[in-house]
Amino acid sequence: MIPTALEEAAFLDGAGAFKTFYKIALPMVRPAFVIVGIYAFALYWNETLLTSFYLEGNIQTTPMLLNSLESQFNNVVNNTSNLGDPGVNPNLSYTEAVAYSGTILSIFPLIFFYVFVQKWFVESIDKSGITGE
């Protein structure tokens, strides 16, 4: 969907088909490639069914470990003898704050990835509203 005016201008300047593709087409679609990469990374980061199927449960991803966060938290609190009783000390009980912190830690790579590619993300959204000739 390259505008024909750009293609014709490149051919008039002496560029062949490969040079036109390399110098004009690829820079125009770079933001679209970045968007596809962001969406694919987010999709596969949160994928649990295929991961458990292919890895047979031997390796768990960070989103998969969120299911066992409460039991692991309680094991750490109960196995440590010098921390006190979780019923007396409210900081030792599993609360929504602990669950939310686990969720934030699991989506941190997505946020980190988005911060670096934000420029191309905004550029692709900006270019998607432009109509061709």
N, C-alpha and C. Protein backbone atom coordinates (compact mmCIF):
# COMPACT_ATOMS: atom_id res chain seq x y z
N MET A 1 0.82 -1.19 0.00
CA MET A 1 0.00 0.00 0.00
C MET A 1 0.87 1.27 0.00
N ILE A 2 2.03 1.14 -0.62
CA ILE A 2 2.88 2.33 -0.76
C ILE A 2 2.22 3.25 -1.78
N PRO A 3 2.17 4.53 -1.50
CA PRO A 3 1.63 5.46 -2.50
C PRO A 3 2.42 5.36 -3.79
N THR A 4 1.71 5.35 -4.89
CA THR A 4 2.39 5.21 -6.19
C THR A 4 3.31 6.37 -6.49
N ALA A 5 3.01 7.53 -5.94
CA ALA A 5 3.87 8.69 -6.18
C ALA A 5 5.27 8.46 -5.60
N LEU A 6 5.34 7.83 -4.43
CA LEU A 6 6.65 7.54 -3.83
C LEU A 6 7.40 6.49 -4.64
N GLU A 7 6.68 5.50 -5.12
CA GLU A 7 7.30 4.46 -5.92
C GLU A 7 7.83 5.02 -7.24
N GLU A 8 7.03 5.83 -7.89
CA GLU A 8 7.46 6.43 -9.16
C GLU A 8 8.63 7.38 -8.96
N ALA A 9 8.60 8.13 -7.86
CA ALA A 9 9.72 9.05 -7.59
C ALA A 9 11.01 8.28 -7.35
N ALA A 10 10.92 7.15 -6.69
CA ALA A 10 12.12 6.34 -6.47
C ALA A 10 12.65 5.78 -7.78
N PHE A 11 11.77 5.32 -8.65
CA PHE A 11 12.22 4.80 -9.94
C PHE A 11 12.81 5.90 -10.82
N LEU A 12 12.26 7.12 -10.74
CA LEU A 12 12.82 8.24 -11.50
C LEU A 12 14.19 8.63 -10.99
N ASP A 13 14.42 8.45 -9.69
CA ASP A 13 15.73 8.76 -9.11
C ASP A 13 16.74 7.66 -9.36
N GLY A 14 16.33 6.58 -10.00
CA GLY A 14 17.27 5.53 -10.36
C GLY A 14 17.29 4.35 -9.41
N ALA A 15 16.35 4.28 -8.51
CA ALA A 15 16.31 3.16 -7.58
C ALA A 15 15.59 1.98 -8.22
N GLY A 16 16.14 0.79 -8.01
CA GLY A 16 15.49 -0.41 -8.50
C GLY A 16 14.43 -0.88 -7.52
N ALA A 17 13.89 -2.05 -7.81
CA ALA A 17 12.81 -2.58 -6.97
C ALA A 17 13.31 -2.89 -5.56
N PHE A 18 14.51 -3.49 -5.46
CA PHE A 18 15.04 -3.84 -4.15
C PHE A 18 15.37 -2.60 -3.33
N LYS A 19 15.99 -1.61 -3.96
CA LYS A 19 16.34 -0.39 -3.24
C LYS A 19 15.08 0.37 -2.81
N THR A 20 14.05 0.37 -3.65
CA THR A 20 12.79 1.00 -3.28
C THR A 20 12.17 0.30 -2.08
N PHE A 21 12.21 -1.02 -2.11
CA PHE A 21 11.69 -1.79 -0.98
C PHE A 21 12.49 -1.50 0.29
N TYR A 22 13.82 -1.50 0.17
CA TYR A 22 14.70 -1.35 1.33
C TYR A 22 14.68 0.08 1.89
N LYS A 23 14.67 1.07 1.02
CA LYS A 23 14.78 2.46 1.47
C LYS A 23 13.44 3.14 1.73
N ILE A 24 12.36 2.67 1.11
CA ILE A 24 11.07 3.35 1.26
C ILE A 24 10.05 2.49 2.00
N ALA A 25 9.88 1.25 1.54
CA ALA A 25 8.81 0.42 2.10
C ALA A 25 9.11 -0.02 3.53
N LEU A 26 10.30 -0.52 3.77
CA LEU A 26 10.61 -1.01 5.13
C LEU A 26 10.56 0.09 6.19
N PRO A 27 11.10 1.29 5.94
CA PRO A 27 10.93 2.33 6.97
C PRO A 27 9.48 2.72 7.20
N MET A 28 8.63 2.59 6.18
CA MET A 28 7.22 2.94 6.37
C MET A 28 6.48 1.92 7.22
N VAL A 29 6.89 0.65 7.17
CA VAL A 29 6.17 -0.38 7.91
C VAL A 29 6.84 -0.73 9.24
N ARG A 30 7.93 -0.08 9.58
CA ARG A 30 8.60 -0.37 10.84
C ARG A 30 7.67 -0.19 12.05
N PRO A 31 6.87 0.88 12.14
CA PRO A 31 5.95 0.99 13.28
C PRO A 31 4.94 -0.16 13.35
N ALA A 32 4.50 -0.64 12.19
CA ALA A 32 3.56 -1.76 12.20
C ALA A 32 4.23 -3.02 12.71
N PHE A 33 5.49 -3.25 12.33
CA PHE A 33 6.23 -4.40 12.86
C PHE A 33 6.39 -4.30 14.37
N VAL A 34 6.63 -3.10 14.86
CA VAL A 34 6.79 -2.91 16.31
C VAL A 34 5.47 -3.23 17.02
N ILE A 35 4.36 -2.79 16.48
CA ILE A 35 3.06 -3.06 17.09
C ILE A 35 2.78 -4.56 17.12
N VAL A 36 3.06 -5.23 16.03
CA VAL A 36 2.87 -6.68 16.00
C VAL A 36 3.78 -7.35 17.03
N GLY A 37 4.99 -6.86 17.17
CA GLY A 37 5.90 -7.42 18.18
C GLY A 37 5.39 -7.21 19.59
N ILE A 38 4.86 -6.02 19.87
CA ILE A 38 4.32 -5.74 21.21
C ILE A 38 3.15 -6.66 21.52
N TYR A 39 2.22 -6.76 20.59
CA TYR A 39 1.04 -7.61 20.82
C TYR A 39 1.43 -9.08 20.93
N ALA A 40 2.36 -9.53 20.11
CA ALA A 40 2.80 -10.93 20.19
C ALA A 40 3.49 -11.21 21.51
N PHE A 41 4.34 -10.28 21.95
CA PHE A 41 5.03 -10.46 23.23
C PHE A 41 4.03 -10.52 24.38
N ALA A 42 3.04 -9.62 24.37
CA ALA A 42 2.04 -9.63 25.43
C ALA A 42 1.19 -10.90 25.39
N LEU A 43 0.85 -11.35 24.19
CA LEU A 43 0.05 -12.56 24.06
C LEU A 43 0.80 -13.77 24.58
N TYR A 44 2.04 -13.94 24.18
CA TYR A 44 2.80 -15.11 24.59
C TYR A 44 3.31 -15.00 26.01
N TRP A 45 3.46 -13.80 26.54
CA TRP A 45 3.85 -13.65 27.94
C TRP A 45 2.74 -14.17 28.86
N ASN A 46 1.51 -13.92 28.50
CA ASN A 46 0.38 -14.33 29.32
C ASN A 46 -0.15 -15.72 28.97
N GLU A 47 0.43 -16.37 27.99
CA GLU A 47 -0.03 -17.70 27.58
C GLU A 47 0.33 -18.74 28.63
N THR A 48 -0.67 -19.43 29.12
CA THR A 48 -0.41 -20.47 30.12
C THR A 48 -0.76 -21.86 29.60
N LEU A 49 -1.75 -21.97 28.73
CA LEU A 49 -2.19 -23.28 28.26
C LEU A 49 -1.12 -23.94 27.38
N LEU A 50 -0.63 -23.23 26.37
CA LEU A 50 0.38 -23.80 25.50
C LEU A 50 1.70 -24.03 26.23
N THR A 51 2.02 -23.13 27.16
CA THR A 51 3.25 -23.30 27.92
C THR A 51 3.20 -24.56 28.75
N SER A 52 2.10 -24.78 29.44
CA SER A 52 2.01 -26.00 30.25
C SER A 52 1.94 -27.24 29.37
N PHE A 53 1.36 -27.13 28.17
CA PHE A 53 1.28 -28.26 27.26
C PHE A 53 2.66 -28.62 26.71
N TYR A 54 3.41 -27.63 26.23
CA TYR A 54 4.71 -27.91 25.62
C TYR A 54 5.77 -28.25 26.65
N LEU A 55 5.75 -27.60 27.79
CA LEU A 55 6.78 -27.83 28.80
C LEU A 55 6.37 -28.87 29.83
N GLU A 56 5.16 -29.41 29.70
CA GLU A 56 4.64 -30.49 30.55
C GLU A 56 4.70 -30.14 32.03
N GLY A 57 4.57 -28.89 32.37
CA GLY A 57 4.54 -28.46 33.76
C GLY A 57 5.88 -28.44 34.46
N ASN A 58 6.97 -28.75 33.74
CA ASN A 58 8.30 -28.75 34.36
C ASN A 58 8.79 -27.34 34.64
N ILE A 59 8.49 -26.43 33.75
CA ILE A 59 8.91 -25.04 33.90
C ILE A 59 7.65 -24.19 33.92
N GLN A 60 7.57 -23.27 34.87
CA GLN A 60 6.41 -22.39 34.95
C GLN A 60 6.84 -20.95 34.70
N THR A 61 6.00 -20.22 33.99
CA THR A 61 6.28 -18.82 33.73
C THR A 61 5.79 -17.98 34.90
N THR A 62 6.14 -16.71 34.90
CA THR A 62 5.76 -15.82 35.99
C THR A 62 4.24 -15.70 36.15
N PRO A 63 3.46 -15.53 35.09
CA PRO A 63 2.00 -15.51 35.28
C PRO A 63 1.44 -16.82 35.82
N MET A 64 2.08 -17.94 35.49
CA MET A 64 1.63 -19.22 36.02
C MET A 64 1.93 -19.35 37.51
N LEU A 65 2.99 -18.73 37.96
CA LEU A 65 3.36 -18.81 39.37
C LEU A 65 2.44 -17.98 40.26
N LEU A 66 1.65 -17.07 39.68
CA LEU A 66 0.72 -16.29 40.49
C LEU A 66 -0.34 -17.16 41.16
N ASN A 67 -0.66 -18.31 40.54
CA ASN A 67 -1.64 -19.21 41.14
C ASN A 67 -1.16 -19.77 42.47
N SER A 68 0.13 -19.99 42.59
CA SER A 68 0.67 -20.59 43.81
C SER A 68 1.29 -19.56 44.75
N LEU A 69 1.07 -18.28 44.51
CA LEU A 69 1.67 -17.24 45.34
C LEU A 69 1.18 -17.31 46.78
N GLU A 70 -0.10 -17.53 46.99
CA GLU A 70 -0.65 -17.56 48.35
C GLU A 70 -0.06 -18.73 49.16
N SER A 71 0.01 -19.89 48.56
CA SER A 71 0.55 -21.04 49.31
C SER A 71 2.04 -20.86 49.59
N GLN A 72 2.79 -20.32 48.65
CA GLN A 72 4.21 -20.09 48.88
C GLN A 72 4.43 -19.02 49.94
N PHE A 73 3.61 -17.98 49.92
CA PHE A 73 3.71 -16.93 50.93
C PHE A 73 3.44 -17.51 52.33
N ASN A 74 2.39 -18.31 52.46
CA ASN A 74 2.07 -18.91 53.75
C ASN A 74 3.13 -19.89 54.21
N ASN A 75 3.76 -20.63 53.28
CA ASN A 75 4.84 -21.53 53.65
C ASN A 75 6.03 -20.77 54.21
N VAL A 76 6.37 -19.66 53.61
CA VAL A 76 7.50 -18.87 54.09
C VAL A 76 7.20 -18.31 55.47
N VAL A 77 5.99 -17.81 55.68
CA VAL A 77 5.63 -17.23 56.97
C VAL A 77 5.59 -18.30 58.05
N ASN A 78 5.01 -19.45 57.77
CA ASN A 78 4.88 -20.51 58.77
C ASN A 78 6.18 -21.22 59.07
N ASN A 79 7.09 -21.31 58.11
CA ASN A 79 8.36 -22.00 58.33
C ASN A 79 9.39 -21.15 59.03
N THR A 80 9.17 -19.87 59.11
CA THR A 80 10.11 -18.98 59.80
C THR A 80 9.61 -18.80 61.22
N SER A 81 10.39 -19.28 62.17
CA SER A 81 9.91 -19.32 63.55
C SER A 81 10.03 -17.98 64.28
N ASN A 82 10.93 -17.11 63.89
CA ASN A 82 11.17 -15.89 64.67
C ASN A 82 10.32 -14.70 64.21
N LEU A 83 9.38 -14.90 63.29
CA LEU A 83 8.59 -13.78 62.81
C LEU A 83 7.35 -13.52 63.66
N GLY A 84 6.91 -14.47 64.40
CA GLY A 84 5.72 -14.27 65.22
C GLY A 84 4.51 -14.93 64.60
N ASP A 85 3.39 -14.74 65.24
CA ASP A 85 2.13 -15.36 64.82
C ASP A 85 1.47 -14.50 63.74
N PRO A 86 1.08 -15.09 62.60
CA PRO A 86 0.41 -14.28 61.56
C PRO A 86 -0.92 -13.71 62.03
N GLY A 87 -1.56 -14.35 63.02
CA GLY A 87 -2.82 -13.81 63.54
C GLY A 87 -2.59 -12.55 64.36
N VAL A 88 -1.44 -12.45 65.01
CA VAL A 88 -1.12 -11.29 65.84
C VAL A 88 -0.53 -10.16 65.00
N ASN A 89 0.37 -10.50 64.10
CA ASN A 89 1.03 -9.52 63.25
C ASN A 89 0.33 -9.48 61.89
N PRO A 90 -0.43 -8.44 61.58
CA PRO A 90 -1.17 -8.41 60.32
C PRO A 90 -0.29 -8.33 59.08
N ASN A 91 0.98 -7.96 59.26
CA ASN A 91 1.88 -7.87 58.11
C ASN A 91 2.27 -9.25 57.60
N LEU A 92 2.00 -10.28 58.37
CA LEU A 92 2.38 -11.63 57.96
C LEU A 92 1.23 -12.41 57.33
N SER A 93 0.11 -11.78 57.12
CA SER A 93 -1.01 -12.48 56.50
C SER A 93 -1.09 -12.12 55.01
N TYR A 94 -1.62 -13.06 54.25
CA TYR A 94 -1.76 -12.86 52.81
C TYR A 94 -2.94 -11.94 52.56
N THR A 95 -2.67 -10.77 52.03
CA THR A 95 -3.71 -9.77 51.78
C THR A 95 -3.75 -9.44 50.29
N GLU A 96 -4.68 -8.55 49.95
CA GLU A 96 -4.77 -8.11 48.56
C GLU A 96 -3.51 -7.37 48.12
N ALA A 97 -2.85 -6.72 49.06
CA ALA A 97 -1.64 -5.99 48.71
C ALA A 97 -0.55 -6.94 48.22
N VAL A 98 -0.44 -8.10 48.84
CA VAL A 98 0.55 -9.08 48.40
C VAL A 98 0.16 -9.62 47.03
N ALA A 99 -1.12 -9.88 46.83
CA ALA A 99 -1.57 -10.37 45.52
C ALA A 99 -1.34 -9.32 44.44
N TYR A 100 -1.63 -8.05 44.74
CA TYR A 100 -1.42 -6.99 43.76
C TYR A 100 0.06 -6.79 43.45
N SER A 101 0.90 -6.92 44.46
CA SER A 101 2.34 -6.77 44.21
C SER A 101 2.84 -7.90 43.32
N GLY A 102 2.32 -9.11 43.51
CA GLY A 102 2.69 -10.21 42.62
C GLY A 102 2.23 -9.96 41.20
N THR A 103 1.04 -9.38 41.05
CA THR A 103 0.52 -9.07 39.72
C THR A 103 1.37 -7.99 39.05
N ILE A 104 1.75 -6.98 39.80
CA ILE A 104 2.61 -5.91 39.25
C ILE A 104 3.94 -6.48 38.81
N LEU A 105 4.51 -7.38 39.61
CA LEU A 105 5.78 -7.99 39.23
C LEU A 105 5.64 -8.85 37.98
N SER A 106 4.48 -9.46 37.78
CA SER A 106 4.32 -10.30 36.60
C SER A 106 4.10 -9.47 35.33
N ILE A 107 3.55 -8.27 35.44
CA ILE A 107 3.36 -7.45 34.24
C ILE A 107 4.48 -6.42 34.06
N PHE A 108 5.44 -6.38 34.95
CA PHE A 108 6.55 -5.44 34.84
C PHE A 108 7.32 -5.58 33.53
N PRO A 109 7.63 -6.80 33.05
CA PRO A 109 8.32 -6.89 31.75
C PRO A 109 7.52 -6.29 30.60
N LEU A 110 6.20 -6.41 30.63
CA LEU A 110 5.39 -5.80 29.58
C LEU A 110 5.48 -4.28 29.63
N ILE A 111 5.43 -3.73 30.82
CA ILE A 111 5.54 -2.27 30.98
C ILE A 111 6.93 -1.80 30.56
N PHE A 112 7.95 -2.53 30.96
CA PHE A 112 9.34 -2.19 30.62
C PHE A 112 9.53 -2.22 29.10
N PHE A 113 8.97 -3.23 28.44
CA PHE A 113 9.06 -3.35 26.98
C PHE A 113 8.33 -2.21 26.30
N TYR A 114 7.16 -1.85 26.81
CA TYR A 114 6.37 -0.78 26.20
C TYR A 114 7.08 0.57 26.32
N VAL A 115 7.76 0.82 27.43
CA VAL A 115 8.44 2.10 27.62
C VAL A 115 9.49 2.31 26.53
N PHE A 116 10.18 1.24 26.13
CA PHE A 116 11.22 1.38 25.11
C PHE A 116 10.67 1.51 23.70
N VAL A 117 9.50 0.96 23.43
CA VAL A 117 8.96 1.02 22.08
C VAL A 117 7.78 1.98 21.96
N GLN A 118 7.60 2.83 22.94
CA GLN A 118 6.46 3.75 22.96
C GLN A 118 6.48 4.70 21.76
N LYS A 119 7.66 5.15 21.35
CA LYS A 119 7.76 6.09 20.24
C LYS A 119 7.17 5.48 18.97
N TRP A 120 7.52 4.24 18.67
CA TRP A 120 7.00 3.58 17.47
C TRP A 120 5.53 3.22 17.62
N PHE A 121 5.10 2.94 18.85
CA PHE A 121 3.70 2.64 19.10
C PHE A 121 2.83 3.84 18.77
N VAL A 122 3.23 5.01 19.26
CA VAL A 122 2.47 6.24 19.00
C VAL A 122 2.54 6.60 17.52
N GLU A 123 3.70 6.38 16.91
CA GLU A 123 3.86 6.70 15.50
C GLU A 123 2.95 5.83 14.63
N SER A 124 2.82 4.57 14.98
CA SER A 124 1.96 3.69 14.17
C SER A 124 0.49 4.04 14.34
N ILE A 125 0.10 4.44 15.53
CA ILE A 125 -1.28 4.87 15.74
C ILE A 125 -1.54 6.15 14.96
N ASP A 126 -0.56 7.03 14.93
CA ASP A 126 -0.69 8.28 14.18
C ASP A 126 -0.82 8.01 12.69
N LYS A 127 -0.03 7.09 12.16
CA LYS A 127 -0.05 6.80 10.73
C LYS A 127 -1.26 5.99 10.32
N SER A 128 -1.90 5.31 11.25
CA SER A 128 -3.04 4.48 10.86
C SER A 128 -4.24 5.33 10.44
N GLY A 129 -4.28 6.58 10.86
CA GLY A 129 -5.39 7.45 10.47
C GLY A 129 -5.21 8.13 9.13
N ILE A 130 -4.04 8.02 8.54
CA ILE A 130 -3.77 8.67 7.26
C ILE A 130 -4.28 7.77 6.14
N THR A 131 -5.06 8.35 5.24
CA THR A 131 -5.57 7.56 4.12
C THR A 131 -4.64 7.69 2.94
N GLY A 132 -4.63 6.65 2.10
CA GLY A 132 -3.78 6.64 0.91
C GLY A 132 -4.42 7.41 -0.22
N GLU A 133 -3.77 7.39 -1.35
CA GLU A 133 -4.28 8.12 -2.53
C GLU A 133 -5.25 7.27 -3.29
